[in-house]
Amino acid sequence: MTDKEYSERLDRIEQHLRLLKDSDIDKTTLLMNIQTALTGSNLNGNKGIVKQINDIDERVEDLETFKGEISVYVNQFKVAFVIIFGALVTLILKLFSLK
């Protein structure tokens, strides 16, 4: 091979290495952006997607607990309403039966 062929081959190898380096930099940047989205950064108080999902999960658990507590009160209100309604109906029937 001549010096010109060696030089051209060396240029192709160098170009290939540059392309690999650029590709590596692009992939590293993409991975850093993904990591920042998941974990957050100083700009958003390190509240990435993972932290937000954990916060939402905690709020859902709190709401489920609250729903359980409220359902007990609602059932008690239903029972009290039925008792009061039954007492009123009985009182009205008793009043009409006396006359």
PDB file of N, CA and C in Angstrom:
ATOM      1  N   MET A   1       0.829  -1.180   0.000  1.00  0.00           N
ATOM      2  CA  MET A   1       0.000   0.000   0.000  1.00  0.00           C
ATOM      3  C   MET A   1       0.877   1.248   0.000  1.00  0.00           C
ATOM      4  N   THR A   2       0.328   2.243  -0.623  1.00  0.00           N
ATOM      5  CA  THR A   2       1.074   3.489  -0.715  1.00  0.00           C
ATOM      6  C   THR A   2       0.747   4.365   0.484  1.00  0.00           C
ATOM      7  N   ASP A   3       1.539   5.412   0.613  1.00  0.00           N
ATOM      8  CA  ASP A   3       1.310   6.356   1.710  1.00  0.00           C
ATOM      9  C   ASP A   3      -0.066   7.015   1.605  1.00  0.00           C
ATOM     10  N   LYS A   4      -0.509   7.251   0.407  1.00  0.00           N
ATOM     11  CA  LYS A   4      -1.819   7.877   0.203  1.00  0.00           C
ATOM     12  C   LYS A   4      -2.926   6.939   0.673  1.00  0.00           C
ATOM     13  N   GLU A   5      -2.822   5.664   0.371  1.00  0.00           N
ATOM     14  CA  GLU A   5      -3.830   4.692   0.808  1.00  0.00           C
ATOM     15  C   GLU A   5      -3.836   4.560   2.327  1.00  0.00           C
ATOM     16  N   TYR A   6      -2.632   4.537   2.922  1.00  0.00           N
ATOM     17  CA  TYR A   6      -2.551   4.485   4.386  1.00  0.00           C
ATOM     18  C   TYR A   6      -3.174   5.724   5.016  1.00  0.00           C
ATOM     19  N   SER A   7      -2.903   6.856   4.411  1.00  0.00           N
ATOM     20  CA  SER A   7      -3.447   8.117   4.920  1.00  0.00           C
ATOM     21  C   SER A   7      -4.977   8.127   4.825  1.00  0.00           C
ATOM     22  N   GLU A   8      -5.504   7.658   3.692  1.00  0.00           N
ATOM     23  CA  GLU A   8      -6.970   7.607   3.535  1.00  0.00           C
ATOM     24  C   GLU A   8      -7.589   6.633   4.534  1.00  0.00           C
ATOM     25  N   ARG A   9      -6.933   5.506   4.709  1.00  0.00           N
ATOM     26  CA  ARG A   9      -7.449   4.527   5.663  1.00  0.00           C
ATOM     27  C   ARG A   9      -7.413   5.090   7.084  1.00  0.00           C
ATOM     28  N   LEU A  10      -6.326   5.763   7.423  1.00  0.00           N
ATOM     29  CA  LEU A  10      -6.212   6.391   8.740  1.00  0.00           C
ATOM     30  C   LEU A  10      -7.287   7.457   8.916  1.00  0.00           C
ATOM     31  N   ASP A  11      -7.571   8.227   7.890  1.00  0.00           N
ATOM     32  CA  ASP A  11      -8.628   9.249   7.951  1.00  0.00           C
ATOM     33  C   ASP A  11     -10.000   8.602   8.185  1.00  0.00           C
ATOM     34  N   ARG A  12     -10.278   7.490   7.506  1.00  0.00           N
ATOM     35  CA  ARG A  12     -11.559   6.799   7.710  1.00  0.00           C
ATOM     36  C   ARG A  12     -11.675   6.271   9.134  1.00  0.00           C
ATOM     37  N   ILE A  13     -10.574   5.727   9.654  1.00  0.00           N
ATOM     38  CA  ILE A  13     -10.598   5.217  11.036  1.00  0.00           C
ATOM     39  C   ILE A  13     -10.817   6.358  12.015  1.00  0.00           C
ATOM     40  N   GLU A  14     -10.141   7.477  11.798  1.00  0.00           N
ATOM     41  CA  GLU A  14     -10.328   8.641  12.677  1.00  0.00           C
ATOM     42  C   GLU A  14     -11.758   9.164  12.601  1.00  0.00           C
ATOM     43  N   GLN A  15     -12.319   9.215  11.393  1.00  0.00           N
ATOM     44  CA  GLN A  15     -13.710   9.664  11.240  1.00  0.00           C
ATOM     45  C   GLN A  15     -14.650   8.717  11.971  1.00  0.00           C
ATOM     46  N   HIS A  16     -14.417   7.443  11.860  1.00  0.00           N
ATOM     47  CA  HIS A  16     -15.242   6.449  12.541  1.00  0.00           C
ATOM     48  C   HIS A  16     -15.153   6.638  14.059  1.00  0.00           C
ATOM     49  N   LEU A  17     -13.959   6.860  14.576  1.00  0.00           N
ATOM     50  CA  LEU A  17     -13.792   7.085  16.014  1.00  0.00           C
ATOM     51  C   LEU A  17     -14.495   8.369  16.465  1.00  0.00           C
ATOM     52  N   ARG A  18     -14.450   9.420  15.638  1.00  0.00           N
ATOM     53  CA  ARG A  18     -15.164  10.661  15.968  1.00  0.00           C
ATOM     54  C   ARG A  18     -16.669  10.424  16.039  1.00  0.00           C
ATOM     55  N   LEU A  19     -17.179   9.666  15.081  1.00  0.00           N
ATOM     56  CA  LEU A  19     -18.611   9.355  15.082  1.00  0.00           C
ATOM     57  C   LEU A  19     -18.994   8.537  16.309  1.00  0.00           C
ATOM     58  N   LEU A  20     -18.159   7.588  16.696  1.00  0.00           N
ATOM     59  CA  LEU A  20     -18.425   6.794  17.902  1.00  0.00           C
ATOM     60  C   LEU A  20     -18.405   7.678  19.149  1.00  0.00           C
ATOM     61  N   LYS A  21     -17.455   8.605  19.203  1.00  0.00           N
ATOM     62  CA  LYS A  21     -17.368   9.510  20.350  1.00  0.00           C
ATOM     63  C   LYS A  21     -18.605  10.405  20.419  1.00  0.00           C
ATOM     64  N   ASP A  22     -19.025  10.954  19.272  1.00  0.00           N
ATOM     65  CA  ASP A  22     -20.231  11.794  19.241  1.00  0.00           C
ATOM     66  C   ASP A  22     -21.458  11.005  19.671  1.00  0.00           C
ATOM     67  N   SER A  23     -21.558   9.777  19.204  1.00  0.00           N
ATOM     68  CA  SER A  23     -22.675   8.918  19.586  1.00  0.00           C
ATOM     69  C   SER A  23     -22.656   8.633  21.081  1.00  0.00           C
ATOM     70  N   ASP A  24     -21.464   8.413  21.610  1.00  0.00           N
ATOM     71  CA  ASP A  24     -21.323   8.156  23.049  1.00  0.00           C
ATOM     72  C   ASP A  24     -21.731   9.378  23.864  1.00  0.00           C
ATOM     73  N   ILE A  25     -21.351  10.551  23.403  1.00  0.00           N
ATOM     74  CA  ILE A  25     -21.721  11.792  24.099  1.00  0.00           C
ATOM     75  C   ILE A  25     -23.237  11.980  24.063  1.00  0.00           C
ATOM     76  N   ASP A  26     -23.858  11.712  22.912  1.00  0.00           N
ATOM     77  CA  ASP A  26     -25.315  11.838  22.797  1.00  0.00           C
ATOM     78  C   ASP A  26     -26.026  10.878  23.746  1.00  0.00           C
ATOM     79  N   LYS A  27     -25.540   9.652  23.813  1.00  0.00           N
ATOM     80  CA  LYS A  27     -26.171   8.670  24.701  1.00  0.00           C
ATOM     81  C   LYS A  27     -25.965   9.031  26.166  1.00  0.00           C
ATOM     82  N   THR A  28     -24.794   9.549  26.505  1.00  0.00           N
ATOM     83  CA  THR A  28     -24.536   9.976  27.878  1.00  0.00           C
ATOM     84  C   THR A  28     -25.455  11.132  28.259  1.00  0.00           C
ATOM     85  N   THR A  29     -25.631  12.068  27.354  1.00  0.00           N
ATOM     86  CA  THR A  29     -26.532  13.202  27.605  1.00  0.00           C
ATOM     87  C   THR A  29     -27.967  12.712  27.797  1.00  0.00           C
ATOM     88  N   LEU A  30     -28.386  11.793  26.954  1.00  0.00           N
ATOM     89  CA  LEU A  30     -29.736  11.237  27.068  1.00  0.00           C
ATOM     90  C   LEU A  30     -29.922  10.534  28.408  1.00  0.00           C
ATOM     91  N   LEU A  31     -28.942   9.747  28.813  1.00  0.00           N
ATOM     92  CA  LEU A  31     -29.033   9.051  30.102  1.00  0.00           C
ATOM     93  C   LEU A  31     -29.065  10.035  31.267  1.00  0.00           C
ATOM     94  N   MET A  32     -28.301  11.099  31.191  1.00  0.00           N
ATOM     95  CA  MET A  32     -28.306  12.115  32.251  1.00  0.00           C
ATOM     96  C   MET A  32     -29.665  12.812  32.318  1.00  0.00           C
ATOM     97  N   ASN A  33     -30.265  13.080  31.144  1.00  0.00           N
ATOM     98  CA  ASN A  33     -31.597  13.693  31.130  1.00  0.00           C
ATOM     99  C   ASN A  33     -32.634  12.760  31.737  1.00  0.00           C
ATOM    100  N   ILE A  34     -32.539  11.474  31.438  1.00  0.00           N
ATOM    101  CA  ILE A  34     -33.463  10.499  32.015  1.00  0.00           C
ATOM    102  C   ILE A  34     -33.279  10.428  33.525  1.00  0.00           C
ATOM    103  N   GLN A  35     -32.033  10.415  33.975  1.00  0.00           N
ATOM    104  CA  GLN A  35     -31.764  10.372  35.414  1.00  0.00           C
ATOM    105  C   GLN A  35     -32.313  11.619  36.099  1.00  0.00           C
ATOM    106  N   THR A  36     -32.136  12.770  35.489  1.00  0.00           N
ATOM    107  CA  THR A  36     -32.649  14.015  36.065  1.00  0.00           C
ATOM    108  C   THR A  36     -34.170  13.989  36.133  1.00  0.00           C
ATOM    109  N   ALA A  37     -34.812  13.443  35.118  1.00  0.00           N
ATOM    110  CA  ALA A  37     -36.274  13.360  35.130  1.00  0.00           C
ATOM    111  C   ALA A  37     -36.754  12.427  36.241  1.00  0.00           C
ATOM    112  N   LEU A  38     -36.042  11.337  36.454  1.00  0.00           N
ATOM    113  CA  LEU A  38     -36.469  10.374  37.473  1.00  0.00           C
ATOM    114  C   LEU A  38     -36.169  10.847  38.885  1.00  0.00           C
ATOM    115  N   THR A  39     -34.998  11.427  39.085  1.00  0.00           N
ATOM    116  CA  THR A  39     -34.585  11.783  40.448  1.00  0.00           C
ATOM    117  C   THR A  39     -34.724  13.260  40.754  1.00  0.00           C
ATOM    118  N   GLY A  40     -34.863  14.098  39.765  1.00  0.00           N
ATOM    119  CA  GLY A  40     -34.984  15.523  39.979  1.00  0.00           C
ATOM    120  C   GLY A  40     -33.625  16.197  39.981  1.00  0.00           C
ATOM    121  N   SER A  41     -33.650  17.504  40.134  1.00  0.00           N
ATOM    122  CA  SER A  41     -32.413  18.278  40.171  1.00  0.00           C
ATOM    123  C   SER A  41     -32.563  19.363  41.233  1.00  0.00           C
ATOM    124  N   ASN A  42     -31.508  20.154  41.392  1.00  0.00           N
ATOM    125  CA  ASN A  42     -31.569  21.246  42.366  1.00  0.00           C
ATOM    126  C   ASN A  42     -32.606  22.295  41.970  1.00  0.00           C
ATOM    127  N   LEU A  43     -32.880  22.420  40.696  1.00  0.00           N
ATOM    128  CA  LEU A  43     -33.840  23.415  40.223  1.00  0.00           C
ATOM    129  C   LEU A  43     -35.264  23.113  40.680  1.00  0.00           C
ATOM    130  N   ASN A  44     -35.616  21.831  40.786  1.00  0.00           N
ATOM    131  CA  ASN A  44     -36.977  21.482  41.219  1.00  0.00           C
ATOM    132  C   ASN A  44     -36.983  20.838  42.601  1.00  0.00           C
ATOM    133  N   GLY A  45     -35.929  21.065  43.366  1.00  0.00           N
ATOM    134  CA  GLY A  45     -35.894  20.558  44.733  1.00  0.00           C
ATOM    135  C   GLY A  45     -35.756  19.050  44.805  1.00  0.00           C
ATOM    136  N   ASN A  46     -35.097  18.459  43.837  1.00  0.00           N
ATOM    137  CA  ASN A  46     -34.905  17.001  43.774  1.00  0.00           C
ATOM    138  C   ASN A  46     -36.224  16.248  43.846  1.00  0.00           C
ATOM    139  N   LYS A  47     -37.240  16.814  43.230  1.00  0.00           N
ATOM    140  CA  LYS A  47     -38.553  16.166  43.174  1.00  0.00           C
ATOM    141  C   LYS A  47     -38.782  15.642  41.770  1.00  0.00           C
ATOM    142  N   GLY A  48     -38.175  14.520  41.492  1.00  0.00           N
ATOM    143  CA  GLY A  48     -38.344  13.901  40.185  1.00  0.00           C
ATOM    144  C   GLY A  48     -39.592  13.050  40.158  1.00  0.00           C
ATOM    145  N   ILE A  49     -39.714  12.279  39.110  1.00  0.00           N
ATOM    146  CA  ILE A  49     -40.890  11.432  38.915  1.00  0.00           C
ATOM    147  C   ILE A  49     -41.022  10.419  40.039  1.00  0.00           C
ATOM    148  N   VAL A  50     -39.912   9.850  40.482  1.00  0.00           N
ATOM    149  CA  VAL A  50     -39.957   8.845  41.550  1.00  0.00           C
ATOM    150  C   VAL A  50     -40.519   9.451  42.830  1.00  0.00           C
ATOM    151  N   LYS A  51     -40.059  10.640  43.213  1.00  0.00           N
ATOM    152  CA  LYS A  51     -40.548  11.309  44.428  1.00  0.00           C
ATOM    153  C   LYS A  51     -42.017  11.654  44.276  1.00  0.00           C
ATOM    154  N   GLN A  52     -42.413  12.134  43.116  1.00  0.00           N
ATOM    155  CA  GLN A  52     -43.806  12.491  42.904  1.00  0.00           C
ATOM    156  C   GLN A  52     -44.710  11.271  42.985  1.00  0.00           C
ATOM    157  N   ILE A  53     -44.281  10.147  42.441  1.00  0.00           N
ATOM    158  CA  ILE A  53     -45.078   8.917  42.513  1.00  0.00           C
ATOM    159  C   ILE A  53     -45.197   8.465  43.961  1.00  0.00           C
ATOM    160  N   ASN A  54     -44.111   8.570  44.728  1.00  0.00           N
ATOM    161  CA  ASN A  54     -44.170   8.203  46.145  1.00  0.00           C
ATOM    162  C   ASN A  54     -45.129   9.119  46.904  1.00  0.00           C
ATOM    163  N   ASP A  55     -45.101  10.419  46.604  1.00  0.00           N
ATOM    164  CA  ASP A  55     -46.030  11.355  47.242  1.00  0.00           C
ATOM    165  C   ASP A  55     -47.479  11.020  46.885  1.00  0.00           C
ATOM    166  N   ILE A  56     -47.727  10.719  45.636  1.00  0.00           N
ATOM    167  CA  ILE A  56     -49.080  10.367  45.201  1.00  0.00           C
ATOM    168  C   ILE A  56     -49.537   9.087  45.886  1.00  0.00           C
ATOM    169  N   ASP A  57     -48.644   8.118  46.017  1.00  0.00           N
ATOM    170  CA  ASP A  57     -48.971   6.858  46.681  1.00  0.00           C
ATOM    171  C   ASP A  57     -49.341   7.105  48.149  1.00  0.00           C
ATOM    172  N   GLU A  58     -48.593   7.973  48.817  1.00  0.00           N
ATOM    173  CA  GLU A  58     -48.910   8.307  50.216  1.00  0.00           C
ATOM    174  C   GLU A  58     -50.279   8.986  50.313  1.00  0.00           C
ATOM    175  N   ARG A  59     -50.562   9.903  49.382  1.00  0.00           N
ATOM    176  CA  ARG A  59     -51.859  10.581  49.412  1.00  0.00           C
ATOM    177  C   ARG A  59     -53.001   9.611  49.153  1.00  0.00           C
ATOM    178  N   VAL A  60     -52.798   8.655  48.262  1.00  0.00           N
ATOM    179  CA  VAL A  60     -53.834   7.656  47.986  1.00  0.00           C
ATOM    180  C   VAL A  60     -54.089   6.810  49.236  1.00  0.00           C
ATOM    181  N   GLU A  61     -53.021   6.423  49.920  1.00  0.00           N
ATOM    182  CA  GLU A  61     -53.192   5.644  51.144  1.00  0.00           C
ATOM    183  C   GLU A  61     -53.947   6.449  52.203  1.00  0.00           C
ATOM    184  N   ASP A  62     -53.618   7.755  52.324  1.00  0.00           N
ATOM    185  CA  ASP A  62     -54.345   8.611  53.271  1.00  0.00           C
ATOM    186  C   ASP A  62     -55.820   8.710  52.904  1.00  0.00           C
ATOM    187  N   LEU A  63     -56.109   8.852  51.618  1.00  0.00           N
ATOM    188  CA  LEU A  63     -57.500   8.943  51.171  1.00  0.00           C
ATOM    189  C   LEU A  63     -58.254   7.638  51.405  1.00  0.00           C
ATOM    190  N   GLU A  64     -57.577   6.498  51.217  1.00  0.00           N
ATOM    191  CA  GLU A  64     -58.230   5.212  51.474  1.00  0.00           C
ATOM    192  C   GLU A  64     -58.551   5.061  52.959  1.00  0.00           C
ATOM    193  N   THR A  65     -57.646   5.509  53.829  1.00  0.00           N
ATOM    194  CA  THR A  65     -57.895   5.469  55.266  1.00  0.00           C
ATOM    195  C   THR A  65     -59.066   6.385  55.615  1.00  0.00           C
ATOM    196  N   PHE A  66     -59.066   7.598  55.042  1.00  0.00           N
ATOM    197  CA  PHE A  66     -60.150   8.550  55.292  1.00  0.00           C
ATOM    198  C   PHE A  66     -61.484   7.992  54.810  1.00  0.00           C
ATOM    199  N   LYS A  67     -61.468   7.336  53.652  1.00  0.00           N
ATOM    200  CA  LYS A  67     -62.697   6.742  53.116  1.00  0.00           C
ATOM    201  C   LYS A  67     -63.229   5.683  54.058  1.00  0.00           C
ATOM    202  N   GLY A  68     -62.343   4.879  54.620  1.00  0.00           N
ATOM    203  CA  GLY A  68     -62.773   3.857  55.578  1.00  0.00           C
ATOM    204  C   GLY A  68     -63.404   4.472  56.810  1.00  0.00           C
ATOM    205  N   GLU A  69     -62.800   5.545  57.310  1.00  0.00           N
ATOM    206  CA  GLU A  69     -63.353   6.222  58.482  1.00  0.00           C
ATOM    207  C   GLU A  69     -64.708   6.849  58.166  1.00  0.00           C
ATOM    208  N   ILE A  70     -64.821   7.493  57.029  1.00  0.00           N
ATOM    209  CA  ILE A  70     -66.078   8.143  56.642  1.00  0.00           C
ATOM    210  C   ILE A  70     -67.176   7.110  56.422  1.00  0.00           C
ATOM    211  N   SER A  71     -66.842   5.971  55.847  1.00  0.00           N
ATOM    212  CA  SER A  71     -67.872   4.956  55.603  1.00  0.00           C
ATOM    213  C   SER A  71     -68.477   4.467  56.917  1.00  0.00           C
ATOM    214  N   VAL A  72     -67.692   4.417  57.990  1.00  0.00           N
ATOM    215  CA  VAL A  72     -68.232   4.041  59.299  1.00  0.00           C
ATOM    216  C   VAL A  72     -69.243   5.082  59.756  1.00  0.00           C
ATOM    217  N   TYR A  73     -68.891   6.371  59.620  1.00  0.00           N
ATOM    218  CA  TYR A  73     -69.812   7.440  60.027  1.00  0.00           C
ATOM    219  C   TYR A  73     -71.077   7.449  59.175  1.00  0.00           C
ATOM    220  N   VAL A  74     -70.939   7.205  57.894  1.00  0.00           N
ATOM    221  CA  VAL A  74     -72.104   7.174  57.009  1.00  0.00           C
ATOM    222  C   VAL A  74     -73.028   6.033  57.409  1.00  0.00           C
ATOM    223  N   ASN A  75     -72.483   4.863  57.709  1.00  0.00           N
ATOM    224  CA  ASN A  75     -73.319   3.740  58.135  1.00  0.00           C
ATOM    225  C   ASN A  75     -74.017   4.042  59.451  1.00  0.00           C
ATOM    226  N   GLN A  76     -73.316   4.694  60.381  1.00  0.00           N
ATOM    227  CA  GLN A  76     -73.942   5.080  61.645  1.00  0.00           C
ATOM    228  C   GLN A  76     -75.060   6.093  61.400  1.00  0.00           C
ATOM    229  N   PHE A  77     -74.847   7.041  60.488  1.00  0.00           N
ATOM    230  CA  PHE A  77     -75.882   8.016  60.168  1.00  0.00           C
ATOM    231  C   PHE A  77     -77.103   7.329  59.567  1.00  0.00           C
ATOM    232  N   LYS A  78     -76.880   6.346  58.706  1.00  0.00           N
ATOM    233  CA  LYS A  78     -78.003   5.616  58.110  1.00  0.00           C
ATOM    234  C   LYS A  78     -78.830   4.925  59.194  1.00  0.00           C
ATOM    235  N   VAL A  79     -78.164   4.281  60.118  1.00  0.00           N
ATOM    236  CA  VAL A  79     -78.870   3.590  61.198  1.00  0.00           C
ATOM    237  C   VAL A  79     -79.645   4.587  62.039  1.00  0.00           C
ATOM    238  N   ALA A  80     -79.016   5.717  62.379  1.00  0.00           N
ATOM    239  CA  ALA A  80     -79.694   6.737  63.171  1.00  0.00           C
ATOM    240  C   ALA A  80     -80.894   7.297  62.412  1.00  0.00           C
ATOM    241  N   PHE A  81     -80.757   7.519  61.121  1.00  0.00           N
ATOM    242  CA  PHE A  81     -81.862   8.030  60.317  1.00  0.00           C
ATOM    243  C   PHE A  81     -83.024   7.043  60.287  1.00  0.00           C
ATOM    244  N   VAL A  82     -82.728   5.772  60.102  1.00  0.00           N
ATOM    245  CA  VAL A  82     -83.785   4.760  60.086  1.00  0.00           C
ATOM    246  C   VAL A  82     -84.498   4.712  61.433  1.00  0.00           C
ATOM    247  N   ILE A  83     -83.755   4.791  62.518  1.00  0.00           N
ATOM    248  CA  ILE A  83     -84.366   4.764  63.849  1.00  0.00           C
ATOM    249  C   ILE A  83     -85.257   5.984  64.061  1.00  0.00           C
ATOM    250  N   ILE A  84     -84.755   7.167  63.711  1.00  0.00           N
ATOM    251  CA  ILE A  84     -85.552   8.395  63.886  1.00  0.00           C
ATOM    252  C   ILE A  84     -86.774   8.364  62.979  1.00  0.00           C
ATOM    253  N   PHE A  85     -86.619   7.939  61.728  1.00  0.00           N
ATOM    254  CA  PHE A  85     -87.747   7.860  60.809  1.00  0.00           C
ATOM    255  C   PHE A  85     -88.789   6.863  61.309  1.00  0.00           C
ATOM    256  N   GLY A  86     -88.316   5.732  61.810  1.00  0.00           N
ATOM    257  CA  GLY A  86     -89.240   4.737  62.366  1.00  0.00           C
ATOM    258  C   GLY A  86     -89.972   5.277  63.574  1.00  0.00           C
ATOM    259  N   ALA A  87     -89.273   6.027  64.410  1.00  0.00           N
ATOM    260  CA  ALA A  87     -89.913   6.607  65.591  1.00  0.00           C
ATOM    261  C   ALA A  87     -90.962   7.637  65.179  1.00  0.00           C
ATOM    262  N   LEU A  88     -90.674   8.453  64.166  1.00  0.00           N
ATOM    263  CA  LEU A  88     -91.646   9.445  63.700  1.00  0.00           C
ATOM    264  C   LEU A  88     -92.876   8.774  63.096  1.00  0.00           C
ATOM    265  N   VAL A  89     -92.676   7.754  62.297  1.00  0.00           N
ATOM    266  CA  VAL A  89     -93.806   7.032  61.702  1.00  0.00           C
ATOM    267  C   VAL A  89     -94.651   6.400  62.806  1.00  0.00           C
ATOM    268  N   THR A  90     -93.998   5.805  63.783  1.00  0.00           N
ATOM    269  CA  THR A  90     -94.727   5.197  64.904  1.00  0.00           C
ATOM    270  C   THR A  90     -95.502   6.256  65.667  1.00  0.00           C
ATOM    271  N   LEU A  91     -94.902   7.412  65.910  1.00  0.00           N
ATOM    272  CA  LEU A  91     -95.572   8.496  66.631  1.00  0.00           C
ATOM    273  C   LEU A  91     -96.775   9.006  65.848  1.00  0.00           C
ATOM    274  N   ILE A  92     -96.621   9.179  64.537  1.00  0.00           N
ATOM    275  CA  ILE A  92     -97.742   9.651  63.714  1.00  0.00           C
ATOM    276  C   ILE A  92     -98.873   8.632  63.705  1.00  0.00           C
ATOM    277  N   LEU A  93     -98.535   7.348  63.556  1.00  0.00           N
ATOM    278  CA  LEU A  93     -99.570   6.324  63.575  1.00  0.00           C
ATOM    279  C   LEU A  93    -100.278   6.248  64.941  1.00  0.00           C
ATOM    280  N   LYS A  94     -99.529   6.434  65.982  1.00  0.00           N
ATOM    281  CA  LYS A  94    -100.110   6.420  67.324  1.00  0.00           C
ATOM    282  C   LYS A  94    -101.044   7.618  67.514  1.00  0.00           C
ATOM    283  N   LEU A  95    -100.635   8.769  66.985  1.00  0.00           N
ATOM    284  CA  LEU A  95    -101.492   9.952  67.103  1.00  0.00           C
ATOM    285  C   LEU A  95    -102.805   9.766  66.320  1.00  0.00           C
ATOM    286  N   PHE A  96    -102.754   9.198  65.116  1.00  0.00           N
ATOM    287  CA  PHE A  96    -103.958   8.976  64.336  1.00  0.00           C
ATOM    288  C   PHE A  96    -104.830   7.874  64.952  1.00  0.00           C
ATOM    289  N   SER A  97    -104.219   6.911  65.608  1.00  0.00           N
ATOM    290  CA  SER A  97    -105.014   5.830  66.188  1.00  0.00           C
ATOM    291  C   SER A  97    -105.734   6.301  67.458  1.00  0.00           C
ATOM    292  N   LEU A  98    -105.270   7.335  68.099  1.00  0.00           N
ATOM    293  CA  LEU A  98    -105.911   7.860  69.317  1.00  0.00           C
ATOM    294  C   LEU A  98    -107.184   8.630  68.971  1.00  0.00           C
ATOM    295  N   LYS A  99    -107.323   9.206  67.837  1.00  0.00           N
ATOM    296  CA  LYS A  99    -108.483  10.025  67.493  1.00  0.00           C
ATOM    297  C   LYS A  99    -109.524   9.191  66.898  1.00  0.00           C
TER     298      LYS A  99
END
